Every structure is written in structure tokens, then in C-alpha cells.
Amino acid sequence: MPSIFQFGESRPEFAVRVLNERAVRAGAGIVFFLAIVSFMNAFLLGNFQPTRLFVVCFLLDFGLRIFVNPRFAPSLILGQWMVRKQQAEYVGAPQKRFAWAIGFVLALVMLYLLVLNQVIGPINMLVCGTCLILLFFETAFGICIGCKVYNLFNKQKAQLCPGGVCEVPAEQRSSTSLGQVTILAAFALVTAATAQWVYRTAPPQNDPLQQPKAAAPHAPVDPAEVERCKVPEFAKAMGHEEKWKLHNHCR
């Protein structure tokens, strides 16, 4: 009977503990979906409450993965159920634990900044962007960036990597031909030209936010509020003035 507190499965055919890559990748996709929804709410609408909730849930999920057992992490339970009819693909567990530890540390940073202190600034964007990139590469390409970092800090290199990338010699890996690169470049040029034409020929739209409003009664100006809503230089340099005002609830 497997122990409650363990990381990965011990299987006789493998020298290291393993995890089912299909379930792990499905779990990463679930987390990525929730992360991008909460991020867009914060970035586009200035509503940080979904992001604060997501950070707490993310921290709990990854804490269960690392310190208890991946089998009990909610995202991996759902991921395992989604791929329950697929044949398991086993990968090494040690490098996954290291990669998830990176995510756990990033979640701790966001817990301190956003959840506990409600700090809003470029550091949040950097941390959130890093998490999204890690999750996207995991779920879209099966590339575990954290697992690659694992090899930089451990003498015993990662084994049983997704797609057999650790075991397949470089000369046997598929390559991209010059013709494929040419097609990709041509597609990008056509897409850019089409985008310019689409935006140039777009019909004018009435923006309700730009409609004249009835004059509101003059309200006294609060100097403290004026100082709080002063746009910092980093936001001006990024062309992020309006977004900064939206995120900080300033008019």
C-alpha cells in the first residue's frame, strides 16, 4: 500500500521514482487556464480579486504536490481523471519536484505582495508572466523549463524526461528545414500585412466611454488622493498610465 507522504511512484522497470506525464501536463493546462483568466481580469479590468484567490489556491495545490503527495493535489486529481483512458507516460519525479518548487516560491512571493499587502506594480507582472510562461510551455509543448534548470544544480542529471529528450541523441532529433522556415516567415509577413489592412479598414465605433457626460457637481479635491494617484515614472515610461490608474482605482 503506497504511503500518504511520498513523491512519485516506485516501479521496478525504472531506476528513479516516476510520475505520469499525461496527468501532469493535463494538470498544468488546468492551472494555466485559471491563471490566464485571473491575470486578464487584473490587467484589463483592474479587478485583482480573482488573482488573489488564484494565488492562494495555487499555493495550496503546489504545497500538496511537494510536501505531501502529488496524488492529492486537486489540479492533478482532475488532470488524472481527464486522461484516465490514455496510456500512462512515465517521467522522472525528482526534476518535477524541483520545477514545482520554483512555482511554489513564485506563489509565496505573490502571496506576500498581492494577497497580504495588495502591492500593485511591475514586480507582480514579472512574477505572473514567469508563471504563465512556465505553465504554457509545460501544457502546450510538454517542455518543463524548471526541469532544465534542475540539471544546472544537480550532479545527477534528470532521467526519463518528457518525449525522451534526455535519452535521445541530438543527431536523432527532428530538425526544421529551410523550406519550413521560409513558409513560416512568409506566413508571418502575410499575417502582419493582413492585420494592417484589417485595422485600417475597420468601421468607426462609438465608444460609450467617450460620450460626453453631464456635468457632475464639483467635489472637494483631497490632496492625499491626488498624491496617491500620481502616476509613477515607470508606468509613464512603459506607456502604462491608463492601466496604472485603472489598477489603482484612480480617475
Protein backbone atom coordinates (compact mmCIF):
# COMPACT_ATOMS: atom_id res chain seq x y z
CA MET A 1 0.00 0.00 0.00
CA PRO A 2 1.53 3.36 -1.04
CA SER A 3 2.41 5.83 1.72
CA ILE A 4 0.48 9.08 2.04
CA PHE A 5 3.68 11.11 2.24
CA GLN A 6 5.69 10.23 -0.83
CA PHE A 7 6.66 11.82 -4.12
CA GLY A 8 6.15 9.74 -7.24
CA GLU A 9 5.70 6.02 -7.82
CA SER A 10 8.32 3.33 -7.42
CA ARG A 11 8.14 1.00 -10.41
CA PRO A 12 10.51 -1.96 -10.92
CA GLU A 13 11.31 -1.03 -14.54
CA PHE A 14 12.64 2.43 -13.61
CA ALA A 15 15.66 3.40 -11.51
CA VAL A 16 14.00 6.56 -10.15
CA ARG A 17 10.56 7.45 -8.87
CA VAL A 18 8.21 8.44 -11.66
CA LEU A 19 5.07 10.46 -12.41
CA ASN A 20 2.51 10.10 -15.17
CA GLU A 21 3.45 12.89 -17.60
CA ARG A 22 0.00 12.88 -19.20
CA ALA A 23 -1.69 13.68 -15.88
CA VAL A 24 0.99 16.25 -15.02
CA ARG A 25 0.55 18.00 -18.36
CA ALA A 26 -3.24 17.97 -18.01
CA GLY A 27 -2.92 19.47 -14.53
CA ALA A 28 -0.64 22.19 -15.90
CA GLY A 29 -3.27 23.01 -18.53
CA ILE A 30 -5.98 23.37 -15.89
CA VAL A 31 -3.79 25.66 -13.76
CA PHE A 32 -2.77 27.69 -16.83
CA PHE A 33 -6.39 28.28 -17.81
CA LEU A 34 -7.29 29.56 -14.34
CA ALA A 35 -4.11 31.66 -14.22
CA ILE A 36 -4.74 33.40 -17.55
CA VAL A 37 -8.37 34.15 -16.64
CA SER A 38 -7.38 35.75 -13.34
CA PHE A 39 -4.48 37.61 -14.97
CA MET A 40 -6.72 39.08 -17.67
CA ASN A 41 -9.23 40.22 -15.05
CA ALA A 42 -6.45 42.10 -13.29
CA PHE A 43 -4.75 43.50 -16.39
CA LEU A 44 -7.79 44.51 -18.44
CA LEU A 45 -10.41 45.27 -15.78
CA GLY A 46 -8.30 46.23 -12.78
CA ASN A 47 -10.04 43.51 -10.74
CA PHE A 48 -7.36 41.77 -8.66
CA GLN A 49 -9.69 39.68 -6.52
CA PRO A 50 -9.67 36.61 -8.83
CA THR A 51 -5.87 36.80 -8.92
CA ARG A 52 -5.64 36.94 -5.12
CA LEU A 53 -7.92 33.90 -4.86
CA PHE A 54 -5.94 32.07 -7.53
CA VAL A 55 -2.62 32.71 -5.74
CA VAL A 56 -3.92 31.11 -2.52
CA CYS A 57 -5.32 28.09 -4.40
CA PHE A 58 -2.11 27.76 -6.44
CA LEU A 59 -0.01 27.81 -3.27
CA LEU A 60 -2.17 25.14 -1.60
CA ASP A 61 -2.13 22.94 -4.71
CA PHE A 62 1.65 23.09 -5.13
CA GLY A 63 2.18 22.68 -1.40
CA LEU A 64 0.27 19.40 -1.53
CA ARG A 65 2.30 18.32 -4.57
CA ILE A 66 5.67 18.98 -2.96
CA PHE A 67 5.22 18.33 0.75
CA VAL A 68 2.51 15.66 0.86
CA ASN A 69 1.85 13.69 -2.33
CA PRO A 70 1.08 14.73 -5.93
CA ARG A 71 -1.82 12.26 -5.85
CA PHE A 72 -3.68 14.61 -3.50
CA ALA A 73 -3.18 17.87 -5.41
CA PRO A 74 -6.59 19.00 -6.79
CA SER A 75 -5.24 20.01 -10.23
CA LEU A 76 -3.52 16.64 -10.66
CA ILE A 77 -6.60 14.75 -9.47
CA LEU A 78 -8.60 16.49 -12.21
CA GLY A 79 -5.79 16.01 -14.71
CA GLN A 80 -5.56 12.29 -13.93
CA TRP A 81 -9.31 11.94 -14.38
CA MET A 82 -9.23 13.76 -17.73
CA VAL A 83 -6.58 11.39 -19.15
CA ARG A 84 -7.77 8.26 -17.33
CA LYS A 85 -8.34 6.41 -20.64
CA GLN A 86 -4.90 7.25 -22.02
CA GLN A 87 -1.83 5.08 -21.64
CA ALA A 88 0.48 6.44 -18.95
CA GLU A 89 3.79 8.02 -19.97
CA TYR A 90 6.19 7.91 -17.05
CA VAL A 91 8.81 10.60 -16.43
CA GLY A 92 11.32 11.15 -13.64
CA ALA A 93 9.87 12.63 -10.44
CA PRO A 94 12.97 14.36 -8.94
CA GLN A 95 13.19 17.06 -11.62
CA LYS A 96 9.43 17.65 -11.44
CA ARG A 97 9.68 18.29 -7.72
CA PHE A 98 12.40 20.87 -8.35
CA ALA A 99 10.32 22.54 -11.09
CA TRP A 100 7.23 22.68 -8.86
CA ALA A 101 9.36 24.15 -6.06
CA ILE A 102 10.11 27.09 -8.38
CA GLY A 103 6.38 27.61 -8.86
CA PHE A 104 5.82 27.34 -5.10
CA VAL A 105 8.42 30.07 -4.41
CA LEU A 106 6.84 32.36 -7.03
CA ALA A 107 3.45 31.78 -5.39
CA LEU A 108 4.92 32.72 -1.99
CA VAL A 109 6.18 35.99 -3.48
CA MET A 110 2.73 36.75 -4.89
CA LEU A 111 1.09 35.82 -1.59
CA TYR A 112 3.23 38.40 0.21
CA LEU A 113 2.89 41.12 -2.43
CA LEU A 114 -0.67 40.82 -3.71
CA VAL A 115 -2.69 38.83 -1.19
CA LEU A 116 -1.31 40.14 2.10
CA ASN A 117 -0.08 43.63 1.16
CA GLN A 118 -2.05 44.35 -2.05
CA VAL A 119 1.06 45.72 -3.76
CA ILE A 120 0.45 46.60 -7.42
CA GLY A 121 3.42 47.20 -9.68
CA PRO A 122 5.84 45.80 -12.28
CA ILE A 123 7.16 43.08 -9.94
CA ASN A 124 3.68 41.48 -9.99
CA MET A 125 3.69 41.48 -13.78
CA LEU A 126 7.14 39.88 -13.83
CA VAL A 127 6.21 37.11 -11.40
CA CYS A 128 2.85 36.42 -13.06
CA GLY A 129 4.43 36.45 -16.50
CA THR A 130 7.07 33.95 -15.38
CA CYS A 131 4.40 31.59 -14.01
CA LEU A 132 2.36 31.83 -17.19
CA ILE A 133 5.39 31.09 -19.38
CA LEU A 134 6.35 28.05 -17.30
CA LEU A 135 2.79 26.70 -17.36
CA PHE A 136 2.31 27.40 -21.07
CA PHE A 137 5.49 25.59 -22.12
CA GLU A 138 4.52 22.64 -19.93
CA THR A 139 1.00 22.24 -21.26
CA ALA A 140 1.47 23.33 -24.89
CA PHE A 141 4.83 21.76 -25.77
CA GLY A 142 5.50 19.30 -22.95
CA ILE A 143 8.67 21.29 -22.15
CA CYS A 144 9.47 21.54 -18.45
CA ILE A 145 11.70 24.61 -18.16
CA GLY A 146 12.18 24.02 -14.45
CA CYS A 147 13.44 20.51 -15.22
CA LYS A 148 16.14 22.02 -17.46
CA VAL A 149 17.18 24.31 -14.60
CA TYR A 150 17.34 21.20 -12.40
CA ASN A 151 20.32 19.93 -14.41
CA LEU A 152 22.27 23.10 -13.61
CA PHE A 153 22.16 22.46 -9.86
CA ASN A 154 22.36 18.66 -9.62
CA LYS A 155 25.24 16.36 -10.44
CA GLN A 156 22.79 13.54 -11.14
CA LYS A 157 21.12 14.70 -14.32
CA ALA A 158 17.40 14.34 -14.96
CA GLN A 159 16.24 10.96 -16.19
CA LEU A 160 13.12 9.89 -18.08
CA CYS A 161 12.33 13.34 -19.48
CA PRO A 162 9.08 14.02 -21.41
CA GLY A 163 9.38 12.94 -25.02
CA GLY A 164 12.60 11.09 -24.24
CA VAL A 165 14.58 14.30 -24.68
CA CYS A 166 17.15 13.24 -22.05
CA GLU A 167 17.83 9.91 -23.74
CA VAL A 168 17.53 10.66 -27.49
CA PRO A 169 20.87 11.64 -29.09
CA ALA A 170 20.97 15.08 -30.73
CA GLU A 171 21.53 13.59 -34.21
CA GLN A 172 18.27 11.61 -33.95
CA ARG A 173 16.09 14.57 -33.07
CA SER A 174 13.81 16.03 -35.74
CA SER A 175 15.05 19.24 -37.36
CA THR A 176 13.41 22.13 -39.21
CA SER A 177 14.20 22.51 -42.90
CA LEU A 178 14.95 25.75 -44.74
CA GLY A 179 11.69 25.37 -46.66
CA GLN A 180 9.69 25.22 -43.44
CA VAL A 181 11.45 28.32 -42.08
CA THR A 182 10.67 30.15 -45.35
CA ILE A 183 6.99 29.21 -45.13
CA LEU A 184 6.86 30.37 -41.50
CA ALA A 185 8.45 33.73 -42.39
CA ALA A 186 6.09 34.22 -45.34
CA PHE A 187 3.10 33.41 -43.13
CA ALA A 188 4.24 35.98 -40.56
CA LEU A 189 4.57 38.67 -43.27
CA VAL A 190 1.12 37.89 -44.69
CA THR A 191 -0.36 38.00 -41.18
CA ALA A 192 1.27 41.39 -40.45
CA ALA A 193 0.03 42.84 -43.78
CA THR A 194 -3.47 41.49 -43.16
CA ALA A 195 -3.52 42.95 -39.66
CA GLN A 196 -2.62 46.39 -41.00
CA TRP A 197 -5.40 46.16 -43.61
CA VAL A 198 -7.97 44.96 -41.05
CA TYR A 199 -7.26 47.81 -38.63
CA ARG A 200 -7.07 50.40 -41.43
CA THR A 201 -10.45 49.42 -42.87
CA ALA A 202 -12.24 48.90 -39.54
CA PRO A 203 -15.55 50.84 -39.32
CA PRO A 204 -15.65 53.62 -36.74
CA GLN A 205 -17.14 52.55 -33.44
CA ASN A 206 -18.92 54.60 -30.87
CA ASP A 207 -17.14 54.20 -27.57
CA PRO A 208 -19.65 54.73 -24.76
CA LEU A 209 -16.77 55.76 -22.53
CA GLN A 210 -16.07 58.71 -24.82
CA GLN A 211 -19.62 60.08 -24.79
CA PRO A 212 -20.00 63.46 -23.11
CA LYS A 213 -21.31 63.17 -19.59
CA ALA A 214 -23.49 65.51 -17.68
CA ALA A 215 -21.52 67.88 -15.53
CA ALA A 216 -21.20 66.47 -12.05
CA PRO A 217 -21.33 68.73 -9.03
CA HIS A 218 -17.89 69.92 -8.07
CA ALA A 219 -16.39 67.76 -5.33
CA PRO A 220 -13.65 68.94 -3.00
CA VAL A 221 -10.19 67.78 -4.01
CA ASP A 222 -8.44 65.56 -1.49
CA PRO A 223 -4.68 66.29 -1.59
CA ALA A 224 -3.89 62.80 -0.25
CA GLU A 225 -5.91 61.22 -3.06
CA VAL A 226 -4.18 63.41 -5.65
CA GLU A 227 -0.80 62.29 -4.30
CA ARG A 228 -1.86 58.63 -4.24
CA CYS A 229 -3.00 58.78 -7.85
CA LYS A 230 0.15 60.42 -9.16
CA VAL A 231 1.35 58.13 -11.94
CA PRO A 232 4.91 56.84 -11.23
CA GLU A 233 7.66 57.30 -13.77
CA PHE A 234 7.99 53.56 -14.56
CA ALA A 235 4.34 53.47 -15.68
CA LYS A 236 4.85 56.53 -17.88
CA ALA A 237 7.98 55.00 -19.41
CA MET A 238 6.03 51.84 -20.25
CA GLY A 239 3.10 53.79 -21.72
CA HIS A 240 1.06 52.21 -18.96
CA GLU A 241 -0.50 55.33 -17.44
CA GLU A 242 -4.17 54.48 -18.05
CA LYS A 243 -3.70 50.86 -16.95
CA TRP A 244 -1.93 52.05 -13.79
CA LYS A 245 -4.86 54.36 -13.00
CA LEU A 246 -7.31 51.53 -13.64
CA HIS A 247 -5.39 49.09 -11.42
CA ASN A 248 -5.17 51.67 -8.61
CA HIS A 249 -8.78 52.86 -8.99
CA CYS A 250 -7.80 56.39 -9.96
CA ARG A 251 -9.74 58.55 -12.39
